[in-house]
Each structure stands twice: as structure tokens, then as C-alpha cells.
Amino acid sequence: PDCIHCFEEEDKFHSKIYIMDKNVIVGSSNFTFGGLCKNKELNICVPFEDNAYNEIVEQFEHYWEESEPLT
């Protein structure tokens, strides 16, 4: 499936965007036990109703278009 992509950029790119139903979560947490439960991370949940929601999803789609499927 075409669900995991790799995005390469000269500068370090370490942000995460998790898109779920009616929310997006943007932050530093990796999708691991440590990233979600153990480490000190900073994330923000943006609800669908927030004006920033569409901007975040558009930014994600831009990076997705520029990335390559990870095989």
C-alpha cells in the first residue's frame, strides 16, 4: 500500500502531523511508546472547526506530494 512515504530535505525535518477524523495533532511525538507515553514531547490538537485545520492539512498534502513511497 501507498501509505508510508519518505520525505527528504537538506534541512532537518522532524515535525509530525497526525490526521484523524475531525482533528489534526501537530507536534514532536514519534508514534512509539516512548513518543506517546514516556518522553517529554509537545503537541497540539487542532479541531476541524479551527481555521488552522485546513492550513495544516494542505501543508501535509504538499509534503505528501513531494515525498516518495517507502519500499
Protein backbone atom coordinates (compact mmCIF):
# COMPACT_ATOMS: atom_id res chain seq x y z
CA PRO A 1 0.00 0.00 0.00
CA ASP A 2 0.97 3.58 -0.62
CA CYS A 3 0.54 4.68 3.00
CA ILE A 4 4.14 5.22 4.16
CA HIS A 5 6.22 7.87 2.46
CA CYS A 6 9.72 9.19 2.93
CA PHE A 7 10.35 12.93 2.64
CA GLU A 8 13.95 14.04 2.24
CA GLU A 9 15.10 17.61 2.65
CA GLU A 10 18.52 19.18 3.17
CA ASP A 11 17.47 20.74 6.48
CA LYS A 12 16.39 18.51 9.32
CA PHE A 13 12.66 17.83 9.02
CA HIS A 14 11.34 16.33 12.23
CA SER A 15 7.76 17.54 12.65
CA LYS A 16 4.82 15.18 12.86
CA ILE A 17 1.23 15.62 11.71
CA TYR A 18 -1.36 13.04 12.72
CA ILE A 19 -4.66 13.43 10.86
CA MET A 20 -7.66 11.77 12.48
CA ASP A 21 -11.39 12.09 11.80
CA LYS A 22 -12.12 15.67 12.88
CA ASN A 23 -8.76 16.63 14.43
CA VAL A 24 -5.13 17.03 13.49
CA ILE A 25 -2.33 16.70 16.00
CA VAL A 26 0.89 18.58 15.28
CA GLY A 27 3.97 18.17 17.39
CA SER A 28 7.18 16.40 18.21
CA SER A 29 5.97 12.95 19.31
CA ASN A 30 7.01 9.90 17.35
CA PHE A 31 4.29 7.26 17.05
CA THR A 32 6.03 4.97 19.56
CA PHE A 33 5.51 4.09 23.22
CA GLY A 34 8.27 6.49 24.19
CA GLY A 35 6.99 9.28 21.98
CA LEU A 36 3.40 8.94 23.11
CA CYS A 37 3.73 7.88 26.76
CA LYS A 38 7.23 8.25 28.19
CA ASN A 39 9.16 11.15 26.63
CA LYS A 40 8.57 14.82 27.25
CA GLU A 41 7.01 15.97 24.00
CA LEU A 42 4.90 18.91 22.89
CA ASN A 43 1.85 18.50 20.67
CA ILE A 44 -1.27 20.48 19.92
CA CYS A 45 -4.65 19.17 18.83
CA VAL A 46 -6.41 21.32 16.24
CA PRO A 47 -10.12 20.57 15.80
CA PHE A 48 -11.84 20.56 12.43
CA GLU A 49 -13.69 23.76 13.33
CA ASP A 50 -10.45 25.72 13.80
CA ASN A 51 -9.31 27.87 10.87
CA ALA A 52 -5.82 26.36 11.11
CA TYR A 53 -7.13 22.83 10.42
CA ASN A 54 -7.31 23.28 6.63
CA GLU A 55 -3.93 25.02 6.51
CA ILE A 56 -2.29 22.13 8.35
CA VAL A 57 -3.92 19.51 6.11
CA GLU A 58 -2.86 21.47 3.00
CA GLN A 59 0.73 21.62 4.28
CA PHE A 60 0.66 17.86 4.91
CA GLU A 61 -0.66 17.24 1.39
CA HIS A 62 2.15 19.39 -0.04
CA TYR A 63 4.79 17.31 1.74
CA TRP A 64 3.00 14.08 0.73
CA GLU A 65 3.09 15.14 -2.94
CA GLU A 66 6.84 15.84 -2.65
CA SER A 67 7.62 12.54 -0.94
CA GLU A 68 8.29 9.06 -2.28
CA PRO A 69 6.67 5.79 -1.23
CA LEU A 70 8.84 3.91 1.23
CA THR A 71 9.56 0.40 -0.01
